[in-house]
Amino acid sequence: MTTSLQLHARTVVLDLEGTTSAAGFILGDLYDYARPRLAAWLDEHAGDPDVAVARGQVIADAGLPADASTAQIVAVLHGWMADDVKSTPLKTLQGQIWAEGFRRDEISSHFFDDVIPQLRAWHAQGVDLVVFSSGSVTSQVPWFRHSPDGDLTPLITDYFDTVNAGPKKIASSYDTIAARLGRAPEQIVFFTDHPEEVAAAREAGWQTLAFSRPGEPWFGADFGASAVASSFTDVEVVSA
């Protein structure tokens, strides 16, 4: 195999949607699974502190009355899903529903064909693999556990989302992750398909590799000074 790009890094941080996995699968299959289950989940898990917090956040963010009904809350959530709003309470609830779906073997995850072999190879070479996704950690772990090629969680060192790291489009979130990992910024490379995430990570001093995959939402975007690839097979990561 001939690679066109060599990166020197101790840690690769992975975005999921559009980078390791098709956005259409997440916005299609997984959203379709969660959408009709939101109302029952809110009511049946009302005693779960995370669900209660998410419910309160939806009410506050949407300007609903404090005693808003489940139907009112679900209408807001459905609207956010239709617009692909990266809402933390929505991601929390979706993550819980998806985790249950994975546990029941009613859904499975998706990875581009070029991704898993490279993740296994980099891990074997001593490169740390970490996830930073707007999807909650609750959904990230089963996503890797229920891959088409078996359980990938032994490959992953840590997981970050908008709750434990912060929004993906601001540099301070990347500072938080670097501190948690105990890595200097220049030792980390972020794989993502989103131009604003590229800009935020670079502002924090990280290396970046932008993915421009045909058919994905950010294909052909302007990624500034970042290196760009269309496949994991185009990349060699050397542990530095």
C-alpha atoms as a PDB file:
ATOM      1  CA  MET A   1       0.000   0.000   0.000  1.00  0.00           C
ATOM      2  CA  THR A   2       1.305   3.471  -0.881  1.00  0.00           C
ATOM      3  CA  THR A   3       0.353   6.364   1.379  1.00  0.00           C
ATOM      4  CA  SER A   4       0.449   9.984   0.315  1.00  0.00           C
ATOM      5  CA  LEU A   5       0.659  11.627   3.742  1.00  0.00           C
ATOM      6  CA  GLN A   6       2.746  10.869   6.824  1.00  0.00           C
ATOM      7  CA  LEU A   7       1.844  12.328  10.232  1.00  0.00           C
ATOM      8  CA  HIS A   8       3.888  12.191  13.431  1.00  0.00           C
ATOM      9  CA  ALA A   9       1.650  12.098  16.503  1.00  0.00           C
ATOM     10  CA  ARG A  10       1.192  10.287  19.796  1.00  0.00           C
ATOM     11  CA  THR A  11      -2.592  10.513  19.679  1.00  0.00           C
ATOM     12  CA  VAL A  12      -5.198  10.499  16.916  1.00  0.00           C
ATOM     13  CA  VAL A  13      -8.517  12.048  17.938  1.00  0.00           C
ATOM     14  CA  LEU A  14     -11.405  10.897  15.771  1.00  0.00           C
ATOM     15  CA  ASP A  15     -14.562  12.677  14.734  1.00  0.00           C
ATOM     16  CA  LEU A  16     -17.227  10.184  13.630  1.00  0.00           C
ATOM     17  CA  GLU A  17     -19.916  11.620  11.343  1.00  0.00           C
ATOM     18  CA  GLY A  18     -18.451  12.139   7.878  1.00  0.00           C
ATOM     19  CA  THR A  19     -14.962  11.068   9.000  1.00  0.00           C
ATOM     20  CA  THR A  20     -15.061   7.437  10.142  1.00  0.00           C
ATOM     21  CA  SER A  21     -18.711   6.878   9.317  1.00  0.00           C
ATOM     22  CA  ALA A  22     -21.316   8.023   6.817  1.00  0.00           C
ATOM     23  CA  ALA A  23     -23.375  11.002   7.931  1.00  0.00           C
ATOM     24  CA  GLY A  24     -26.330   9.549   6.050  1.00  0.00           C
ATOM     25  CA  PHE A  25     -26.321   6.462   8.257  1.00  0.00           C
ATOM     26  CA  ILE A  26     -26.389   8.512  11.451  1.00  0.00           C
ATOM     27  CA  LEU A  27     -28.910  11.067  10.182  1.00  0.00           C
ATOM     28  CA  GLY A  28     -30.956   8.300   8.566  1.00  0.00           C
ATOM     29  CA  ASP A  29     -30.941   4.891  10.257  1.00  0.00           C
ATOM     30  CA  LEU A  30     -30.053   6.015  13.776  1.00  0.00           C
ATOM     31  CA  TYR A  31     -32.258   9.107  13.781  1.00  0.00           C
ATOM     32  CA  ASP A  32     -35.127   7.003  12.447  1.00  0.00           C
ATOM     33  CA  TYR A  33     -34.588   4.564  15.318  1.00  0.00           C
ATOM     34  CA  ALA A  34     -34.559   7.262  18.011  1.00  0.00           C
ATOM     35  CA  ARG A  35     -37.301   9.530  16.701  1.00  0.00           C
ATOM     36  CA  PRO A  36     -40.388   7.401  17.541  1.00  0.00           C
ATOM     37  CA  ARG A  37     -38.906   6.322  20.895  1.00  0.00           C
ATOM     38  CA  LEU A  38     -38.245   9.745  22.416  1.00  0.00           C
ATOM     39  CA  ALA A  39     -41.635  10.272  24.072  1.00  0.00           C
ATOM     40  CA  ALA A  40     -41.739   6.866  25.753  1.00  0.00           C
ATOM     41  CA  TRP A  41     -38.107   7.216  26.823  1.00  0.00           C
ATOM     42  CA  LEU A  42     -38.736  10.575  28.486  1.00  0.00           C
ATOM     43  CA  ASP A  43     -41.761   9.255  30.386  1.00  0.00           C
ATOM     44  CA  GLU A  44     -40.409   5.823  31.313  1.00  0.00           C
ATOM     45  CA  HIS A  45     -37.029   7.180  32.466  1.00  0.00           C
ATOM     46  CA  ALA A  46     -38.263  10.339  34.175  1.00  0.00           C
ATOM     47  CA  GLY A  47     -36.448   9.289  37.352  1.00  0.00           C
ATOM     48  CA  ASP A  48     -33.078   9.120  35.599  1.00  0.00           C
ATOM     49  CA  PRO A  49     -31.083  12.245  36.601  1.00  0.00           C
ATOM     50  CA  ASP A  50     -29.571  12.571  33.111  1.00  0.00           C
ATOM     51  CA  VAL A  51     -33.025  12.446  31.524  1.00  0.00           C
ATOM     52  CA  ALA A  52     -34.340  15.010  33.996  1.00  0.00           C
ATOM     53  CA  VAL A  53     -31.442  17.349  33.212  1.00  0.00           C
ATOM     54  CA  ALA A  54     -31.934  16.875  29.472  1.00  0.00           C
ATOM     55  CA  ARG A  55     -35.644  17.594  29.802  1.00  0.00           C
ATOM     56  CA  GLY A  56     -34.911  20.790  31.706  1.00  0.00           C
ATOM     57  CA  GLN A  57     -32.302  21.868  29.146  1.00  0.00           C
ATOM     58  CA  VAL A  58     -34.761  21.423  26.272  1.00  0.00           C
ATOM     59  CA  ILE A  59     -37.342  23.528  28.116  1.00  0.00           C
ATOM     60  CA  ALA A  60     -34.776  26.265  28.801  1.00  0.00           C
ATOM     61  CA  ASP A  61     -33.175  26.247  25.339  1.00  0.00           C
ATOM     62  CA  ALA A  62     -36.507  26.233  23.508  1.00  0.00           C
ATOM     63  CA  GLY A  63     -38.209  28.763  25.789  1.00  0.00           C
ATOM     64  CA  LEU A  64     -40.978  26.337  26.725  1.00  0.00           C
ATOM     65  CA  PRO A  65     -43.053  26.771  29.881  1.00  0.00           C
ATOM     66  CA  ALA A  66     -41.607  25.094  32.968  1.00  0.00           C
ATOM     67  CA  ASP A  67     -44.466  22.590  33.009  1.00  0.00           C
ATOM     68  CA  ALA A  68     -44.146  21.730  29.322  1.00  0.00           C
ATOM     69  CA  SER A  69     -45.640  18.390  28.360  1.00  0.00           C
ATOM     70  CA  THR A  70     -43.671  15.494  26.935  1.00  0.00           C
ATOM     71  CA  ALA A  71     -45.400  16.106  23.609  1.00  0.00           C
ATOM     72  CA  GLN A  72     -44.173  19.724  23.550  1.00  0.00           C
ATOM     73  CA  ILE A  73     -40.628  18.650  24.374  1.00  0.00           C
ATOM     74  CA  VAL A  74     -40.635  15.904  21.746  1.00  0.00           C
ATOM     75  CA  ALA A  75     -41.880  18.363  19.116  1.00  0.00           C
ATOM     76  CA  VAL A  76     -38.822  20.517  19.822  1.00  0.00           C
ATOM     77  CA  LEU A  77     -36.501  17.509  19.715  1.00  0.00           C
ATOM     78  CA  HIS A  78     -37.967  16.374  16.394  1.00  0.00           C
ATOM     79  CA  GLY A  79     -37.410  19.865  14.991  1.00  0.00           C
ATOM     80  CA  TRP A  80     -33.795  19.831  16.130  1.00  0.00           C
ATOM     81  CA  MET A  81     -33.313  16.422  14.564  1.00  0.00           C
ATOM     82  CA  ALA A  82     -34.760  17.642  11.270  1.00  0.00           C
ATOM     83  CA  ASP A  83     -32.296  20.552  11.288  1.00  0.00           C
ATOM     84  CA  ASP A  84     -29.386  18.432  12.616  1.00  0.00           C
ATOM     85  CA  VAL A  85     -28.923  20.781  15.568  1.00  0.00           C
ATOM     86  CA  LYS A  86     -25.972  19.695  17.744  1.00  0.00           C
ATOM     87  CA  SER A  87     -27.975  20.013  20.961  1.00  0.00           C
ATOM     88  CA  THR A  88     -26.489  18.489  24.119  1.00  0.00           C
ATOM     89  CA  PRO A  89     -29.834  17.350  25.628  1.00  0.00           C
ATOM     90  CA  LEU A  90     -30.859  15.832  22.295  1.00  0.00           C
ATOM     91  CA  LYS A  91     -27.540  13.995  22.061  1.00  0.00           C
ATOM     92  CA  THR A  92     -27.947  12.745  25.632  1.00  0.00           C
ATOM     93  CA  LEU A  93     -31.383  11.264  24.940  1.00  0.00           C
ATOM     94  CA  GLN A  94     -30.434   9.863  21.549  1.00  0.00           C
ATOM     95  CA  GLY A  95     -27.332   8.312  23.074  1.00  0.00           C
ATOM     96  CA  GLN A  96     -29.335   6.505  25.726  1.00  0.00           C
ATOM     97  CA  ILE A  97     -31.851   5.226  23.188  1.00  0.00           C
ATOM     98  CA  TRP A  98     -29.140   4.094  20.791  1.00  0.00           C
ATOM     99  CA  ALA A  99     -27.204   2.371  23.576  1.00  0.00           C
ATOM    100  CA  GLU A 100     -30.320   0.361  24.391  1.00  0.00           C
ATOM    101  CA  GLY A 101     -30.821  -0.412  20.698  1.00  0.00           C
ATOM    102  CA  PHE A 102     -27.238  -1.659  20.403  1.00  0.00           C
ATOM    103  CA  ARG A 103     -27.715  -3.771  23.536  1.00  0.00           C
ATOM    104  CA  ARG A 104     -30.818  -5.352  22.019  1.00  0.00           C
ATOM    105  CA  ASP A 105     -29.026  -5.942  18.678  1.00  0.00           C
ATOM    106  CA  GLU A 106     -31.699  -3.852  16.962  1.00  0.00           C
ATOM    107  CA  ILE A 107     -29.120  -1.494  15.447  1.00  0.00           C
ATOM    108  CA  SER A 108     -25.425  -1.665  14.580  1.00  0.00           C
ATOM    109  CA  SER A 109     -22.812   0.933  13.716  1.00  0.00           C
ATOM    110  CA  HIS A 110     -21.274   1.902  10.392  1.00  0.00           C
ATOM    111  CA  PHE A 111     -17.654   2.538   9.396  1.00  0.00           C
ATOM    112  CA  PHE A 112     -16.186   3.297   5.992  1.00  0.00           C
ATOM    113  CA  ASP A 113     -14.271   0.291   4.649  1.00  0.00           C
ATOM    114  CA  ASP A 114     -10.923   2.089   4.911  1.00  0.00           C
ATOM    115  CA  VAL A 115     -11.247   2.936   8.611  1.00  0.00           C
ATOM    116  CA  ILE A 116     -11.143  -0.178  10.803  1.00  0.00           C
ATOM    117  CA  PRO A 117      -8.020  -1.792   9.277  1.00  0.00           C
ATOM    118  CA  GLN A 118      -6.109   1.456   9.787  1.00  0.00           C
ATOM    119  CA  LEU A 119      -7.345   1.876  13.355  1.00  0.00           C
ATOM    120  CA  ARG A 120      -6.126  -1.634  14.151  1.00  0.00           C
ATOM    121  CA  ALA A 121      -2.758  -0.967  12.500  1.00  0.00           C
ATOM    122  CA  TRP A 122      -2.174   2.352  14.256  1.00  0.00           C
ATOM    123  CA  HIS A 123      -3.156   0.883  17.612  1.00  0.00           C
ATOM    124  CA  ALA A 124      -0.719  -1.994  17.079  1.00  0.00           C
ATOM    125  CA  GLN A 125       2.009   0.563  16.356  1.00  0.00           C
ATOM    126  CA  GLY A 126       1.436   2.314  19.685  1.00  0.00           C
ATOM    127  CA  VAL A 127      -0.669   5.263  18.529  1.00  0.00           C
ATOM    128  CA  ASP A 128      -3.380   6.239  21.033  1.00  0.00           C
ATOM    129  CA  LEU A 129      -6.877   6.488  19.527  1.00  0.00           C
ATOM    130  CA  VAL A 130      -9.425   8.824  21.101  1.00  0.00           C
ATOM    131  CA  VAL A 131     -12.943   9.898  20.083  1.00  0.00           C
ATOM    132  CA  PHE A 132     -14.378  13.441  20.115  1.00  0.00           C
ATOM    133  CA  SER A 133     -17.919  13.543  18.778  1.00  0.00           C
ATOM    134  CA  SER A 134     -21.009  15.673  19.313  1.00  0.00           C
ATOM    135  CA  GLY A 135     -22.792  12.386  19.984  1.00  0.00           C
ATOM    136  CA  SER A 136     -22.748  11.553  23.689  1.00  0.00           C
ATOM    137  CA  VAL A 137     -20.167   9.210  25.198  1.00  0.00           C
ATOM    138  CA  THR A 138     -23.159   7.008  26.066  1.00  0.00           C
ATOM    139  CA  SER A 139     -23.624   6.387  22.338  1.00  0.00           C
ATOM    140  CA  GLN A 140     -19.945   6.425  21.360  1.00  0.00           C
ATOM    141  CA  VAL A 141     -18.960   3.368  23.408  1.00  0.00           C
ATOM    142  CA  PRO A 142     -21.605   0.991  21.979  1.00  0.00           C
ATOM    143  CA  TRP A 143     -20.922   2.457  18.526  1.00  0.00           C
ATOM    144  CA  PHE A 144     -17.406   1.015  18.734  1.00  0.00           C
ATOM    145  CA  ARG A 145     -18.468  -2.116  20.603  1.00  0.00           C
ATOM    146  CA  HIS A 146     -21.011  -3.093  17.944  1.00  0.00           C
ATOM    147  CA  SER A 147     -19.021  -2.430  14.779  1.00  0.00           C
ATOM    148  CA  PRO A 148     -19.369  -4.552  11.627  1.00  0.00           C
ATOM    149  CA  ASP A 149     -15.940  -6.005  12.478  1.00  0.00           C
ATOM    150  CA  GLY A 150     -16.601  -6.789  16.123  1.00  0.00           C
ATOM    151  CA  ASP A 151     -15.749  -4.994  19.357  1.00  0.00           C
ATOM    152  CA  LEU A 152     -13.392  -2.080  18.697  1.00  0.00           C
ATOM    153  CA  THR A 153     -13.461  -0.627  22.223  1.00  0.00           C
ATOM    154  CA  PRO A 154     -10.043  -2.160  23.121  1.00  0.00           C
ATOM    155  CA  LEU A 155      -8.564   0.172  20.485  1.00  0.00           C
ATOM    156  CA  ILE A 156      -9.959   3.358  22.049  1.00  0.00           C
ATOM    157  CA  THR A 157      -8.186   5.103  24.914  1.00  0.00           C
ATOM    158  CA  ASP A 158     -10.823   7.717  25.783  1.00  0.00           C
ATOM    159  CA  TYR A 159     -14.081   9.309  24.660  1.00  0.00           C
ATOM    160  CA  PHE A 160     -15.097  12.977  24.641  1.00  0.00           C
ATOM    161  CA  ASP A 161     -18.327  14.793  23.854  1.00  0.00           C
ATOM    162  CA  THR A 162     -19.792  18.276  24.274  1.00  0.00           C
ATOM    163  CA  VAL A 163     -20.466  17.604  27.969  1.00  0.00           C
ATOM    164  CA  ASN A 164     -17.046  16.476  29.188  1.00  0.00           C
ATOM    165  CA  ALA A 165     -14.981  18.528  26.703  1.00  0.00           C
ATOM    166  CA  GLY A 166     -17.135  21.339  25.339  1.00  0.00           C
ATOM    167  CA  PRO A 167     -18.418  22.454  21.918  1.00  0.00           C
ATOM    168  CA  LYS A 168     -16.432  21.190  18.956  1.00  0.00           C
ATOM    169  CA  LYS A 169     -16.101  24.593  17.289  1.00  0.00           C
ATOM    170  CA  ILE A 170     -14.179  26.387  20.064  1.00  0.00           C
ATOM    171  CA  ALA A 171     -10.476  26.037  20.863  1.00  0.00           C
ATOM    172  CA  SER A 172     -10.921  25.671  24.632  1.00  0.00           C
ATOM    173  CA  SER A 173     -12.554  22.261  24.146  1.00  0.00           C
ATOM    174  CA  TYR A 174      -9.368  21.006  22.516  1.00  0.00           C
ATOM    175  CA  ASP A 175      -7.317  22.498  25.355  1.00  0.00           C
ATOM    176  CA  THR A 176      -9.476  20.512  27.780  1.00  0.00           C
ATOM    177  CA  ILE A 177      -8.938  17.260  25.893  1.00  0.00           C
ATOM    178  CA  ALA A 178      -5.174  17.763  25.629  1.00  0.00           C
ATOM    179  CA  ALA A 179      -4.970  18.393  29.371  1.00  0.00           C
ATOM    180  CA  ARG A 180      -7.060  15.304  30.136  1.00  0.00           C
ATOM    181  CA  LEU A 181      -4.863  13.189  27.876  1.00  0.00           C
ATOM    182  CA  GLY A 182      -1.638  14.643  29.262  1.00  0.00           C
ATOM    183  CA  ARG A 183      -0.454  15.445  25.758  1.00  0.00           C
ATOM    184  CA  ALA A 184       1.174  18.545  24.318  1.00  0.00           C
ATOM    185  CA  PRO A 185      -1.051  19.982  21.548  1.00  0.00           C
ATOM    186  CA  GLU A 186       1.514  19.262  18.831  1.00  0.00           C
ATOM    187  CA  GLN A 187       1.474  15.553  19.786  1.00  0.00           C
ATOM    188  CA  ILE A 188      -2.198  15.274  18.805  1.00  0.00           C
ATOM    189  CA  VAL A 189      -3.795  15.132  15.368  1.00  0.00           C
ATOM    190  CA  PHE A 190      -7.537  15.595  14.919  1.00  0.00           C
ATOM    191  CA  PHE A 191      -9.342  13.803  12.085  1.00  0.00           C
ATOM    192  CA  THR A 192     -12.547  15.629  11.152  1.00  0.00           C
ATOM    193  CA  ASP A 193     -14.613  16.594   8.125  1.00  0.00           C
ATOM    194  CA  HIS A 194     -15.868  19.931   9.513  1.00  0.00           C
ATOM    195  CA  PRO A 195     -14.029  23.167   8.568  1.00  0.00           C
ATOM    196  CA  GLU A 196     -14.954  24.970  11.805  1.00  0.00           C
ATOM    197  CA  GLU A 197     -13.698  22.051  13.893  1.00  0.00           C
ATOM    198  CA  VAL A 198     -10.455  22.095  11.917  1.00  0.00           C
ATOM    199  CA  ALA A 199     -10.077  25.806  12.690  1.00  0.00           C
ATOM    200  CA  ALA A 200     -10.779  25.350  16.419  1.00  0.00           C
ATOM    201  CA  ALA A 201      -8.327  22.465  16.793  1.00  0.00           C
ATOM    202  CA  ARG A 202      -5.608  24.364  14.921  1.00  0.00           C
ATOM    203  CA  GLU A 203      -6.192  27.416  17.129  1.00  0.00           C
ATOM    204  CA  ALA A 204      -5.502  25.134  20.115  1.00  0.00           C
ATOM    205  CA  GLY A 205      -2.205  24.094  18.539  1.00  0.00           C
ATOM    206  CA  TRP A 206      -3.255  20.645  17.357  1.00  0.00           C
ATOM    207  CA  GLN A 207      -2.316  19.055  14.088  1.00  0.00           C
ATOM    208  CA  THR A 208      -5.344  18.440  11.873  1.00  0.00           C
ATOM    209  CA  LEU A 209      -6.278  16.202   8.991  1.00  0.00           C
ATOM    210  CA  ALA A 210      -9.475  17.173   7.203  1.00  0.00           C
ATOM    211  CA  PHE A 211     -11.482  14.467   5.469  1.00  0.00           C
ATOM    212  CA  SER A 212     -13.193  15.365   2.226  1.00  0.00           C
ATOM    213  CA  ARG A 213     -15.158  12.264   1.274  1.00  0.00           C
ATOM    214  CA  PRO A 214     -17.348  12.203  -1.856  1.00  0.00           C
ATOM    215  CA  GLY A 215     -21.002  12.195  -0.901  1.00  0.00           C
ATOM    216  CA  GLU A 216     -20.441  13.555   2.601  1.00  0.00           C
ATOM    217  CA  PRO A 217     -21.763  16.966   3.728  1.00  0.00           C
ATOM    218  CA  TRP A 218     -18.399  18.789   3.735  1.00  0.00           C
ATOM    219  CA  PHE A 219     -16.904  17.272   0.594  1.00  0.00           C
ATOM    220  CA  GLY A 220     -14.876  19.896  -1.258  1.00  0.00           C
ATOM    221  CA  ALA A 221     -15.003  22.430   1.604  1.00  0.00           C
ATOM    222  CA  ASP A 222     -12.265  24.968   2.285  1.00  0.00           C
ATOM    223  CA  PHE A 223     -10.157  23.564   5.125  1.00  0.00           C
ATOM    224  CA  GLY A 224      -7.632  26.369   5.141  1.00  0.00           C
ATOM    225  CA  ALA A 225      -4.050  25.327   5.831  1.00  0.00           C
ATOM    226  CA  SER A 226      -4.978  21.832   7.027  1.00  0.00           C
ATOM    227  CA  ALA A 227      -3.817  18.709   5.246  1.00  0.00           C
ATOM    228  CA  VAL A 228      -6.722  16.981   3.480  1.00  0.00           C
ATOM    229  CA  ALA A 229      -7.408  13.316   2.701  1.00  0.00           C
ATOM    230  CA  SER A 230     -10.292  11.306   1.309  1.00  0.00           C
ATOM    231  CA  SER A 231      -9.470   7.934   2.895  1.00  0.00           C
ATOM    232  CA  PHE A 232      -7.658   6.562   5.927  1.00  0.00           C
ATOM    233  CA  THR A 233      -5.563   4.474   3.524  1.00  0.00           C
ATOM    234  CA  ASP A 234      -3.992   7.731   2.280  1.00  0.00           C
ATOM    235  CA  VAL A 235      -2.460   8.309   5.721  1.00  0.00           C
ATOM    236  CA  GLU A 236       0.438   6.897   7.702  1.00  0.00           C
ATOM    237  CA  VAL A 237       0.557   7.837  11.390  1.00  0.00           C
ATOM    238  CA  VAL A 238       3.925   7.443  13.098  1.00  0.00           C
ATOM    239  CA  SER A 239       3.975   7.518  16.896  1.00  0.00           C
ATOM    240  CA  ALA A 240       6.080  10.550  17.845  1.00  0.00           C
END
